[in-house]
Structures are given as structure tokens and as C-alpha cells.
Amino acid sequence: MEAYILDWLNLLLRWLHVITAIAWIGSSFYFVWLDNSLVQPTDPELKEKGVGGELWAVHGGGFYNPQKYLLAPRQLPEHLHWFYWESYSTWLSGFALFSLLYLFNANVFLVDRNVFDMSGSMAGGTAVAFLVFNWLIYDAICSSIGDRPNADRLVNILVGLQVVVSVWAACHLFSGRAAFLISGASLATIMSANVLVWIIPGQRKMVASMRAGQAPDPIHGKRGKQRSVHNTYFTLPVLFAMLSNHYSMTYSAPHNWLVLLMIMAAGALIRQFFVLRHKGVYNWWYPGVAVALLLAVAVGLSPMMRDKPVPAALHHKEAAAPVAPAATAAAEGAAKTDAAPAPAAAAAAAAAAAGGFAQVQQVIEARCIQCHSAKPTLMPVPGKGVLLDSKEHISQHAQQIYQQAVVQKSMPLGNMTNITDDERAMIGKWFEAGAAVN
């Protein structure tokens, strides 16, 4: 029952997060487009009112004429619409989802002892610290340098370096899947904090000055604009990081930090193309370089490249023990193992070639039931509510087993139980032969 409730919480939080993210990103993209598409008004009345740009548009059967003032209208309307709950709701729902899935199961989802050996509580604390310190460092860069004349380029370079260091550190501390998510969450935290700490407060100060009959300080608009521009370039990298957990080929790569940085760079370049396009400028170098980066990543992660022979000196690092007998598998599943002796390795290879259900069940008992049994040893409740501790359950979830363990190679999570390629191949042959359990 507990697993069922957690699945519903997961579903509802994820749904809420996607809905609010669509609202936030949609409004953000719209205003970037609008800001870059405005034209100077020709109507003398509009110029007299202080309008610096306008646009005529048609949508849904209606005509719209948005106008932007050079600073602000001479008299503020009674009601102003503020765009901030989209940002806050997205971050709050995202952090709640991150807490439910990752922080409450840190030992399983955050920790990969082949990357960095730490406890679950230490990993959870480090993950939260990552979000906080990334914001503090970013804010220090913008606050200390951003107000200087012509400082945007230097600020952008320093923020870019911060992202590189942050991604590298995350991928050397956390499991690959968690590192990608935390890197994206760090940028998303910066984006939402920009709205909370700088953009909205600056706008409120401008409104308060105008209601008091004083001229608003333009520095607030300049600061808000700088942070808003950063937010628009962070958007596509964040979206990839949030989606990456479905594509283990990216986060499980040997140099996964470089993979993430290259894809993030491609996203930022694509965004730059569209920002310029809104202004009527078509610079095809930006999407061209972005496509080249994505192709380089795709080729680098291809089976042809990843399946190259490993030097003999590295064999001892990648070898894993053969499937343990069912009686001892649960106790030994999560432990690190040394290379198997030649006779045992030959036996495992022979079993893999056979691909019968008895051998498949032995693999599942050794590598999977630590998280997928009625009383799992690595999680408080069965992962996703999936049980694999009987042949009936294995038959019921055969398609999922094949997808996750053979095709995507995303399970076992972080390969904490050291499943081998031969064992994955065994499961694949069993499934492709009809997944019989007799």
C-alpha cells in the first residue's frame, strides 16, 4: 500500500511540475519573442505617452496590440498582472519531486560508490548544498560585476565557467543519473531565484517609486533584464537535464560530464539562434554548431565506439562476478566484486548462451530483487511497485525487464548490483525467444 501511495504522489507531483513548467517556459519564451519583435510606433499619441515599441498580432480569432513603454507609463493602472507564480510553482513542485524520488532514497538514487563513496545522508546534504551554493556563486558574480559598464560579456564567461565546474563536480560525486538531474536543478534554482530575489523585487521598487510620484531607478530594469536573459539561455539545458533520466546512454557514459556539457551547449546555441531570429537575424552558424555537437555526442556514445576492446590493464576494473546462487544472491547483490576465475566466467558465458528461464531467474535473484521484492534490502519499498520475486511476477513484467535491463541498460540503477553484459544478453535472448517461464 505504501508503494502505491508513493506512486500516486510521484504521478501527481510530476504532472504538476510539467504543467507549471510549461506555463513558466511558455510565458518566458513569449516575452523574449515579444521584446525582440516590437517596432517603433508611428502614432504620435503613442510616442507622446512614452511607448517605445508595439506589435500587432492575431490569435484565436482576435487582434492584439501589446505595447512596451520606454520606462513606465505616466500613470499606472490600478491592476497589474505579475508573472511569478509560474516560476515559484515550477521550482516548488520540482523540489518536492526531487525530495520524494532522490533525497528520501539517497542511498539508491544519489550514491554510486564506483564514482564516490559516501553515505546516503551525506549525498542528500551534498545535493541540497549544490543547489544553494550554485545560486550563491552565480549571484555573487552578477552582483559584483554585472552593474559595471559593458560587463555582460565577462559575466557570461564567468557564469559559463561556473556551469562547467559544477557539472564536472556533480558527475564526480553522484551517480550519473542523479548528477545530470542535480546539474539541471542547480540551473533551475538559479532561474527561479532570479525571479524571486531580483526580477520581481526590482519591479516592485519601480512600481512603488511611480506610485509615490518619483522617477523609478533604471538600474532595477537593467538588473532584471540581465537575469532574465540568463534564464532564457538556461531553459533548454535544464529541459534536457530533466529528461535525461530516460536515456541512460547519456548519463552512464565514461565521460558523462562532457556529454552533458556538450548537449547543454547545443541547447544554448539553439536558443541563441531563435533569439536572433526574433530580431530578423538568421545566423545559421548557431544551429550548425549545435547539430555538430549533438552528432559528436551521438557518435561517441554509439555501440560501435563504446564496444571497442578494453586494454588488458583495465580488465580488472570492469570485470564482475558471475551470477551467485539464489541462496546467497540477495546478500551479495550490492557488493563490489572482483574478476571471476576463468572456469566460472566460462560457465557464466555458457549460461548466457543458453538463455533459459532458470538462468534468467538466477540473474534476477542476484541483481534485481534487492529493489524489486516484497521486502527489498536497498529501498524502503519495492521500486515503482514492481515485484520480481516469483516467476509469475517476472512473466508479468517481462517487457519492462527487457526494456530497462537490456535495451536501455538503465537498470539496475547505477548498476549497483554489478550485472554483466553477458547477463543482460541472456535476458535479451530469453525475452526474444518468447519469455517462457516453464
Protein backbone atom coordinates (compact mmCIF):
# COMPACT_ATOMS: atom_id res chain seq x y z
CA MET A 1 0.00 0.00 0.00
CA GLU A 2 2.85 2.38 0.83
CA ALA A 3 4.39 1.85 -2.61
CA TYR A 4 1.02 2.53 -4.24
CA ILE A 5 0.64 5.84 -2.36
CA LEU A 6 4.19 6.87 -3.28
CA ASP A 7 3.48 6.11 -6.94
CA TRP A 8 0.43 8.38 -6.83
CA LEU A 9 2.45 11.15 -5.18
CA ASN A 10 5.09 10.71 -7.86
CA LEU A 11 2.50 10.87 -10.62
CA LEU A 12 0.68 13.94 -9.27
CA LEU A 13 3.85 15.88 -8.46
CA ARG A 14 5.33 15.09 -11.87
CA TRP A 15 2.11 16.16 -13.58
CA LEU A 16 2.01 19.39 -11.60
CA HIS A 17 5.68 20.06 -12.32
CA VAL A 18 5.21 19.63 -16.07
CA ILE A 19 2.11 21.85 -16.12
CA THR A 20 3.75 24.70 -14.19
CA ALA A 21 6.99 24.36 -16.20
CA ILE A 22 5.03 24.69 -19.46
CA ALA A 23 3.35 27.84 -18.09
CA TRP A 24 6.68 29.36 -16.96
CA ILE A 25 8.71 28.49 -20.03
CA GLY A 26 5.84 29.43 -22.33
CA SER A 27 5.45 32.90 -20.82
CA SER A 28 9.23 33.37 -20.75
CA PHE A 29 9.63 32.44 -24.41
CA TYR A 30 6.66 34.62 -25.34
CA PHE A 31 8.11 37.72 -23.70
CA VAL A 32 11.56 37.15 -25.20
CA TRP A 33 9.89 36.89 -28.61
CA LEU A 34 7.73 39.94 -27.91
CA ASP A 35 10.64 42.03 -26.67
CA ASN A 36 12.64 41.28 -29.83
CA SER A 37 9.70 41.71 -32.22
CA LEU A 38 8.47 45.17 -31.19
CA VAL A 39 8.68 48.04 -33.69
CA GLN A 40 8.74 51.75 -33.00
CA PRO A 41 5.24 53.22 -33.03
CA THR A 42 4.27 55.64 -35.79
CA ASP A 43 1.27 57.05 -33.95
CA PRO A 44 2.24 60.42 -32.35
CA GLU A 45 -0.15 59.73 -29.49
CA LEU A 46 1.72 56.56 -28.55
CA LYS A 47 5.06 58.36 -28.69
CA GLU A 48 3.63 61.12 -26.50
CA LYS A 49 2.54 58.51 -23.96
CA GLY A 50 6.10 57.11 -23.83
CA VAL A 51 5.53 53.91 -25.80
CA GLY A 52 8.83 52.70 -27.22
CA GLY A 53 7.61 49.63 -29.11
CA GLU A 54 4.41 47.94 -30.21
CA LEU A 55 3.23 44.87 -32.09
CA TRP A 56 0.06 43.88 -33.86
CA ALA A 57 -0.84 40.19 -33.73
CA VAL A 58 -3.78 37.94 -34.43
CA HIS A 59 -4.54 34.80 -32.43
CA GLY A 60 -7.61 32.73 -31.79
CA GLY A 61 -9.83 34.99 -33.85
CA GLY A 62 -8.82 38.18 -32.01
CA PHE A 63 -6.46 41.08 -32.70
CA TYR A 64 -3.91 42.14 -30.10
CA ASN A 65 -1.77 45.26 -29.81
CA PRO A 66 0.81 44.85 -26.99
CA GLN A 67 2.85 47.98 -26.22
CA LYS A 68 6.06 48.45 -24.26
CA TYR A 69 6.93 51.71 -22.53
CA LEU A 70 10.46 53.09 -22.60
CA LEU A 71 10.42 53.14 -18.80
CA ALA A 72 6.85 53.16 -17.49
CA PRO A 73 3.50 54.85 -18.23
CA ARG A 74 2.92 58.24 -16.68
CA GLN A 75 0.07 56.85 -14.65
CA LEU A 76 -0.02 53.24 -13.52
CA PRO A 77 -3.23 51.29 -13.96
CA GLU A 78 -4.92 50.03 -10.82
CA HIS A 79 -4.41 46.39 -11.71
CA LEU A 80 -1.09 44.96 -12.88
CA HIS A 81 -0.51 41.31 -13.78
CA TRP A 82 2.67 39.89 -12.27
CA PHE A 83 4.40 36.85 -13.75
CA TYR A 84 6.00 34.99 -10.87
CA TRP A 85 3.79 32.16 -9.63
CA GLU A 86 4.69 30.12 -12.72
CA SER A 87 8.33 30.24 -11.62
CA TYR A 88 7.72 29.57 -7.94
CA SER A 89 5.27 26.72 -8.60
CA THR A 90 7.68 25.06 -11.01
CA TRP A 91 10.56 25.15 -8.54
CA LEU A 92 8.48 24.07 -5.53
CA SER A 93 6.88 21.14 -7.36
CA GLY A 94 10.28 20.16 -8.80
CA PHE A 95 11.99 20.21 -5.42
CA ALA A 96 9.13 18.20 -3.89
CA LEU A 97 9.52 15.61 -6.65
CA PHE A 98 13.31 15.59 -6.20
CA SER A 99 12.86 15.05 -2.45
CA LEU A 100 10.36 12.22 -2.92
CA LEU A 101 12.39 10.34 -5.51
CA TYR A 102 16.01 11.15 -4.68
CA LEU A 103 16.50 12.62 -1.21
CA PHE A 104 14.29 10.05 0.54
CA ASN A 105 16.12 7.23 -1.28
CA ALA A 106 19.54 8.86 -1.45
CA ASN A 107 21.48 5.64 -0.91
CA VAL A 108 19.88 4.16 -4.02
CA PHE A 109 19.44 7.12 -6.37
CA LEU A 110 22.23 9.54 -5.43
CA VAL A 111 25.11 7.29 -4.45
CA ASP A 112 27.32 5.36 -6.84
CA ARG A 113 30.27 4.05 -4.85
CA ASN A 114 32.18 3.47 -8.07
CA VAL A 115 32.08 7.26 -8.52
CA PHE A 116 32.40 8.50 -4.93
CA ASP A 117 31.96 6.52 -1.73
CA MET A 118 29.64 8.37 0.65
CA SER A 119 26.64 7.66 2.82
CA GLY A 120 23.08 8.36 1.73
CA SER A 121 22.68 11.18 4.25
CA MET A 122 25.91 12.80 3.09
CA ALA A 123 24.78 12.52 -0.53
CA GLY A 124 21.43 14.13 0.27
CA GLY A 125 23.07 17.00 2.11
CA THR A 126 25.60 17.48 -0.67
CA ALA A 127 22.83 17.56 -3.30
CA VAL A 128 20.95 20.30 -1.46
CA ALA A 129 24.21 22.21 -0.90
CA PHE A 130 24.82 22.01 -4.65
CA LEU A 131 21.61 23.92 -5.31
CA VAL A 132 22.34 26.54 -2.65
CA PHE A 133 26.00 27.19 -3.45
CA ASN A 134 25.45 27.32 -7.20
CA TRP A 135 22.95 30.11 -6.64
CA LEU A 136 25.24 31.95 -4.21
CA ILE A 137 28.22 31.79 -6.60
CA TYR A 138 26.14 32.87 -9.58
CA ASP A 139 24.56 35.71 -7.62
CA ALA A 140 27.97 36.89 -6.40
CA ILE A 141 29.24 37.04 -9.99
CA CYS A 142 26.26 39.05 -11.23
CA SER A 143 26.07 41.34 -8.18
CA SER A 144 29.76 42.19 -8.04
CA ILE A 145 30.37 42.64 -11.77
CA GLY A 146 27.01 42.93 -13.51
CA ASP A 147 26.39 46.62 -12.75
CA ARG A 148 29.66 47.73 -14.37
CA PRO A 149 29.54 49.27 -17.85
CA ASN A 150 29.89 46.70 -20.65
CA ALA A 151 30.27 43.87 -18.14
CA ASP A 152 27.83 41.43 -19.75
CA ARG A 153 30.48 39.50 -21.68
CA LEU A 154 32.67 38.99 -18.60
CA VAL A 155 29.65 37.95 -16.54
CA ASN A 156 28.62 35.45 -19.21
CA ILE A 157 32.12 33.93 -19.37
CA LEU A 158 32.31 33.55 -15.59
CA VAL A 159 28.82 32.02 -15.40
CA GLY A 160 29.78 29.62 -18.20
CA LEU A 161 32.89 28.56 -16.27
CA GLN A 162 30.76 28.06 -13.18
CA VAL A 163 28.44 25.73 -15.11
CA VAL A 164 31.41 23.71 -16.41
CA VAL A 165 32.91 23.27 -12.93
CA SER A 166 29.53 22.50 -11.38
CA VAL A 167 28.70 19.79 -13.94
CA TRP A 168 32.15 18.24 -13.63
CA ALA A 169 31.87 18.16 -9.83
CA ALA A 170 28.35 16.68 -9.87
CA CYS A 171 29.42 13.88 -12.22
CA HIS A 172 32.37 13.06 -9.92
CA LEU A 173 30.26 12.98 -6.75
CA PHE A 174 26.88 11.45 -7.64
CA SER A 175 25.55 8.60 -9.73
CA GLY A 176 25.33 9.61 -13.40
CA ARG A 177 21.56 9.84 -13.43
CA ALA A 178 21.49 11.98 -10.28
CA ALA A 179 24.39 14.15 -11.46
CA PHE A 180 22.52 15.15 -14.62
CA LEU A 181 19.37 15.91 -12.65
CA ILE A 182 21.22 17.91 -9.98
CA SER A 183 23.07 19.91 -12.65
CA GLY A 184 19.75 20.83 -14.24
CA ALA A 185 18.15 21.52 -10.86
CA SER A 186 21.03 23.88 -9.99
CA LEU A 187 20.33 25.95 -13.09
CA ALA A 188 16.59 25.82 -12.44
CA THR A 189 17.21 27.05 -8.89
CA ILE A 190 19.23 29.97 -10.27
CA MET A 191 16.40 30.77 -12.68
CA SER A 192 13.70 30.78 -10.03
CA ALA A 193 15.88 32.62 -7.51
CA ASN A 194 16.50 35.30 -10.16
CA VAL A 195 12.75 35.86 -10.30
CA LEU A 196 12.33 35.77 -6.51
CA VAL A 197 15.34 37.82 -5.43
CA TRP A 198 15.93 40.27 -8.28
CA ILE A 199 13.35 40.48 -11.06
CA ILE A 200 10.12 40.77 -9.05
CA PRO A 201 11.58 42.89 -6.18
CA GLY A 202 13.11 45.25 -8.75
CA GLN A 203 9.77 45.62 -10.49
CA ARG A 204 8.03 46.25 -7.17
CA LYS A 205 10.51 49.03 -6.34
CA MET A 206 9.87 50.65 -9.70
CA VAL A 207 6.10 50.49 -9.18
CA ALA A 208 6.42 51.85 -5.63
CA SER A 209 8.51 54.80 -6.87
CA MET A 210 5.96 55.64 -9.52
CA ARG A 211 3.00 55.45 -7.12
CA ALA A 212 4.95 57.81 -4.85
CA GLY A 213 5.38 60.26 -7.72
CA GLN A 214 9.11 59.60 -8.05
CA ALA A 215 11.13 58.63 -11.10
CA PRO A 216 11.98 54.88 -10.97
CA ASP A 217 15.63 53.93 -10.85
CA PRO A 218 16.51 52.31 -14.22
CA ILE A 219 19.12 50.06 -12.51
CA HIS A 220 16.29 47.74 -11.43
CA GLY A 221 15.23 47.24 -15.03
CA LYS A 222 18.82 46.63 -16.09
CA ARG A 223 19.40 44.02 -13.39
CA GLY A 224 16.12 42.28 -14.10
CA LYS A 225 16.87 42.22 -17.83
CA GLN A 226 20.31 40.67 -17.27
CA ARG A 227 18.90 37.88 -15.09
CA SER A 228 16.01 37.33 -17.48
CA VAL A 229 18.41 36.92 -20.41
CA HIS A 230 20.40 34.32 -18.44
CA ASN A 231 17.17 32.48 -17.68
CA THR A 232 16.25 32.15 -21.35
CA TYR A 233 19.61 30.56 -22.20
CA PHE A 234 19.39 28.17 -19.25
CA THR A 235 15.98 26.87 -20.33
CA LEU A 236 16.89 24.27 -22.97
CA PRO A 237 19.87 22.88 -20.98
CA VAL A 238 17.56 22.47 -17.96
CA LEU A 239 14.92 20.72 -20.04
CA PHE A 240 17.47 18.21 -21.32
CA ALA A 241 18.78 17.54 -17.81
CA MET A 242 15.23 16.87 -16.62
CA LEU A 243 14.58 14.43 -19.48
CA SER A 244 17.98 12.72 -19.37
CA ASN A 245 16.97 10.15 -16.74
CA HIS A 246 15.08 8.33 -19.52
CA TYR A 247 18.28 7.94 -21.59
CA SER A 248 20.91 6.01 -19.70
CA MET A 249 23.24 6.07 -22.72
CA THR A 250 24.00 9.70 -21.81
CA TYR A 251 24.46 9.66 -18.04
CA SER A 252 26.18 6.26 -17.95
CA ALA A 253 28.88 7.30 -20.44
CA PRO A 254 32.51 7.15 -19.18
CA HIS A 255 32.90 10.93 -19.59
CA ASN A 256 29.29 11.78 -18.80
CA TRP A 257 30.16 15.31 -17.62
CA LEU A 258 31.46 16.12 -21.10
CA VAL A 259 28.34 14.63 -22.68
CA LEU A 260 26.12 16.82 -20.51
CA LEU A 261 28.13 19.98 -21.20
CA MET A 262 28.11 19.39 -24.96
CA ILE A 263 24.34 18.84 -25.05
CA MET A 264 23.76 21.86 -22.80
CA ALA A 265 25.93 23.98 -25.10
CA ALA A 266 23.91 22.76 -28.08
CA GLY A 267 20.70 23.81 -26.32
CA ALA A 268 22.05 27.28 -25.55
CA LEU A 269 23.22 27.73 -29.17
CA ILE A 270 19.81 26.72 -30.50
CA ARG A 271 18.18 29.21 -28.14
CA GLN A 272 20.55 31.93 -29.37
CA PHE A 273 19.51 31.24 -32.96
CA PHE A 274 15.86 31.81 -32.10
CA VAL A 275 16.56 34.91 -30.02
CA LEU A 276 18.33 36.44 -33.03
CA ARG A 277 15.63 35.17 -35.38
CA HIS A 278 13.04 37.16 -33.42
CA LYS A 279 15.04 40.24 -34.40
CA GLY A 280 15.07 39.24 -38.05
CA VAL A 281 18.68 37.97 -37.95
CA TYR A 282 19.31 34.45 -39.29
CA ASN A 283 22.73 33.19 -38.22
CA TRP A 284 22.84 29.54 -39.23
CA TRP A 285 26.22 29.01 -37.58
CA TYR A 286 24.48 28.63 -34.21
CA PRO A 287 22.24 25.67 -35.11
CA GLY A 288 25.04 24.29 -37.32
CA VAL A 289 27.46 24.11 -34.40
CA ALA A 290 24.67 22.77 -32.16
CA VAL A 291 23.94 19.94 -34.61
CA ALA A 292 27.68 19.20 -34.88
CA LEU A 293 27.92 18.91 -31.09
CA LEU A 294 24.91 16.59 -30.92
CA LEU A 295 26.28 14.43 -33.75
CA ALA A 296 29.65 14.23 -31.99
CA VAL A 297 27.93 13.04 -28.81
CA ALA A 298 25.77 10.56 -30.73
CA VAL A 299 28.79 9.07 -32.47
CA GLY A 300 30.83 8.99 -29.28
CA LEU A 301 28.07 7.12 -27.43
CA SER A 302 27.30 4.73 -30.27
CA PRO A 303 27.70 0.99 -29.62
CA MET A 304 30.42 0.91 -32.28
CA MET A 305 32.55 3.32 -30.22
CA ARG A 306 31.64 2.05 -26.76
CA ASP A 307 32.21 -1.61 -27.60
CA LYS A 308 35.84 -1.17 -28.59
CA PRO A 309 38.17 -3.68 -26.89
CA VAL A 310 39.24 -2.64 -23.41
CA PRO A 311 43.01 -2.68 -22.76
CA ALA A 312 44.08 -5.68 -20.71
CA ALA A 313 45.28 -3.41 -17.90
CA LEU A 314 41.69 -2.22 -17.38
CA HIS A 315 40.01 -5.60 -17.35
CA HIS A 316 40.21 -5.97 -13.58
CA LYS A 317 38.24 -2.75 -13.14
CA GLU A 318 35.32 -3.81 -15.30
CA ALA A 319 35.02 -7.50 -14.57
CA ALA A 320 32.19 -8.58 -12.32
CA ALA A 321 31.42 -11.82 -10.54
CA PRO A 322 29.24 -14.42 -12.24
CA VAL A 323 25.70 -14.89 -11.05
CA ALA A 324 25.67 -16.03 -7.45
CA PRO A 325 23.47 -18.96 -6.36
CA ALA A 326 19.98 -17.85 -5.40
CA ALA A 327 20.55 -18.59 -1.71
CA THR A 328 23.38 -16.07 -1.44
CA ALA A 329 22.46 -13.59 -4.20
CA ALA A 330 20.40 -11.21 -2.08
CA ALA A 331 23.21 -10.77 0.42
CA GLU A 332 25.89 -10.29 -2.19
CA GLY A 333 23.97 -8.34 -4.87
CA ALA A 334 25.05 -4.82 -3.93
CA ALA A 335 28.66 -5.67 -3.00
CA LYS A 336 31.59 -4.90 -5.27
CA THR A 337 33.16 -7.99 -6.78
CA ASP A 338 36.50 -8.94 -8.26
CA ALA A 339 37.10 -10.57 -11.60
CA ALA A 340 35.70 -14.08 -11.93
CA PRO A 341 38.09 -17.01 -12.33
CA ALA A 342 38.29 -18.45 -15.82
CA PRO A 343 36.20 -21.63 -15.18
CA ALA A 344 33.40 -19.61 -13.53
CA ALA A 345 33.50 -17.00 -16.28
CA ALA A 346 33.22 -19.77 -18.87
CA ALA A 347 30.23 -21.21 -17.01
CA ALA A 348 28.56 -17.79 -16.92
CA ALA A 349 29.15 -17.39 -20.65
CA ALA A 350 27.63 -20.81 -21.30
CA ALA A 351 24.59 -19.90 -19.20
CA ALA A 352 24.24 -16.65 -21.09
CA ALA A 353 24.28 -18.52 -24.37
CA ALA A 354 21.56 -20.85 -23.15
CA GLY A 355 19.24 -18.03 -22.12
CA GLY A 356 16.76 -20.36 -20.41
CA PHE A 357 14.35 -19.16 -17.73
CA ALA A 358 16.20 -20.91 -14.90
CA GLN A 359 19.32 -18.89 -15.70
CA VAL A 360 17.32 -15.68 -16.17
CA GLN A 361 15.64 -16.15 -12.81
CA GLN A 362 19.02 -16.70 -11.21
CA VAL A 363 20.25 -13.39 -12.67
CA ILE A 364 17.14 -11.56 -11.44
CA GLU A 365 17.53 -13.03 -7.95
CA ALA A 366 21.16 -11.93 -7.88
CA ARG A 367 20.80 -8.49 -9.47
CA CYS A 368 17.21 -7.25 -9.18
CA ILE A 369 15.27 -8.40 -6.13
CA GLN A 370 17.27 -6.15 -3.80
CA CYS A 371 14.89 -3.41 -5.02
CA HIS A 372 12.05 -5.49 -6.52
CA SER A 373 10.85 -7.86 -3.80
CA ALA A 374 8.18 -7.68 -1.12
CA LYS A 375 10.89 -6.75 1.40
CA PRO A 376 13.66 -5.05 -0.58
CA THR A 377 17.07 -4.61 1.03
CA LEU A 378 18.16 -1.48 -0.86
CA MET A 379 14.92 0.52 -0.76
CA PRO A 380 12.18 1.07 1.81
CA VAL A 381 9.51 -0.14 -0.65
CA PRO A 382 9.67 -2.02 -3.98
CA GLY A 383 10.91 0.23 -6.78
CA LYS A 384 7.92 1.54 -8.82
CA GLY A 385 5.85 -1.11 -7.03
CA VAL A 386 7.35 -3.78 -9.33
CA LEU A 387 7.96 -7.22 -7.81
CA LEU A 388 10.27 -9.75 -9.46
CA ASP A 389 10.49 -12.35 -6.70
CA SER A 390 8.46 -15.08 -8.38
CA LYS A 391 8.17 -16.50 -11.87
CA GLU A 392 4.64 -15.08 -12.13
CA HIS A 393 5.92 -11.57 -11.39
CA ILE A 394 8.83 -12.00 -13.80
CA SER A 395 6.43 -13.07 -16.55
CA GLN A 396 4.11 -10.14 -15.79
CA HIS A 397 6.96 -7.59 -16.10
CA ALA A 398 8.98 -9.32 -18.84
CA GLN A 399 8.56 -6.39 -21.26
CA GLN A 400 9.75 -3.87 -18.63
CA ILE A 401 12.70 -6.07 -17.69
CA TYR A 402 13.74 -6.28 -21.33
CA GLN A 403 13.35 -2.55 -21.93
CA GLN A 404 15.13 -1.40 -18.76
CA ALA A 405 17.88 -4.02 -18.38
CA VAL A 406 18.64 -4.96 -21.98
CA VAL A 407 17.66 -2.15 -24.35
CA GLN A 408 18.21 0.97 -22.23
CA LYS A 409 20.60 -0.61 -19.71
CA SER A 410 19.21 1.79 -17.11
CA MET A 411 18.59 -0.99 -14.57
CA PRO A 412 19.90 -1.98 -12.10
CA LEU A 413 20.11 1.67 -11.11
CA GLY A 414 23.73 2.79 -11.29
CA ASN A 415 24.49 -0.92 -11.80
CA MET A 416 24.85 -1.17 -8.04
CA THR A 417 24.50 -4.96 -8.21
CA ASN A 418 27.12 -5.36 -10.96
CA ILE A 419 25.07 -7.03 -13.67
CA THR A 420 27.31 -8.07 -16.58
CA ASP A 421 26.79 -7.66 -20.31
CA ASP A 422 26.57 -11.44 -20.64
CA GLU A 423 23.71 -11.48 -18.14
CA ARG A 424 21.90 -8.70 -19.99
CA ALA A 425 22.35 -10.66 -23.23
CA MET A 426 20.93 -13.75 -21.51
CA ILE A 427 17.77 -11.86 -20.54
CA GLY A 428 17.52 -10.49 -24.07
CA LYS A 429 17.70 -13.96 -25.67
CA TRP A 430 15.09 -15.28 -23.23
CA PHE A 431 12.67 -12.42 -23.98
CA GLU A 432 13.18 -12.55 -27.74
CA ALA A 433 12.54 -16.31 -27.67
CA GLY A 434 9.08 -15.75 -26.17
CA ALA A 435 9.78 -15.09 -22.45
CA ALA A 436 8.58 -18.52 -21.37
CA VAL A 437 8.74 -19.24 -17.63
CA ASN A 438 8.10 -23.01 -17.74
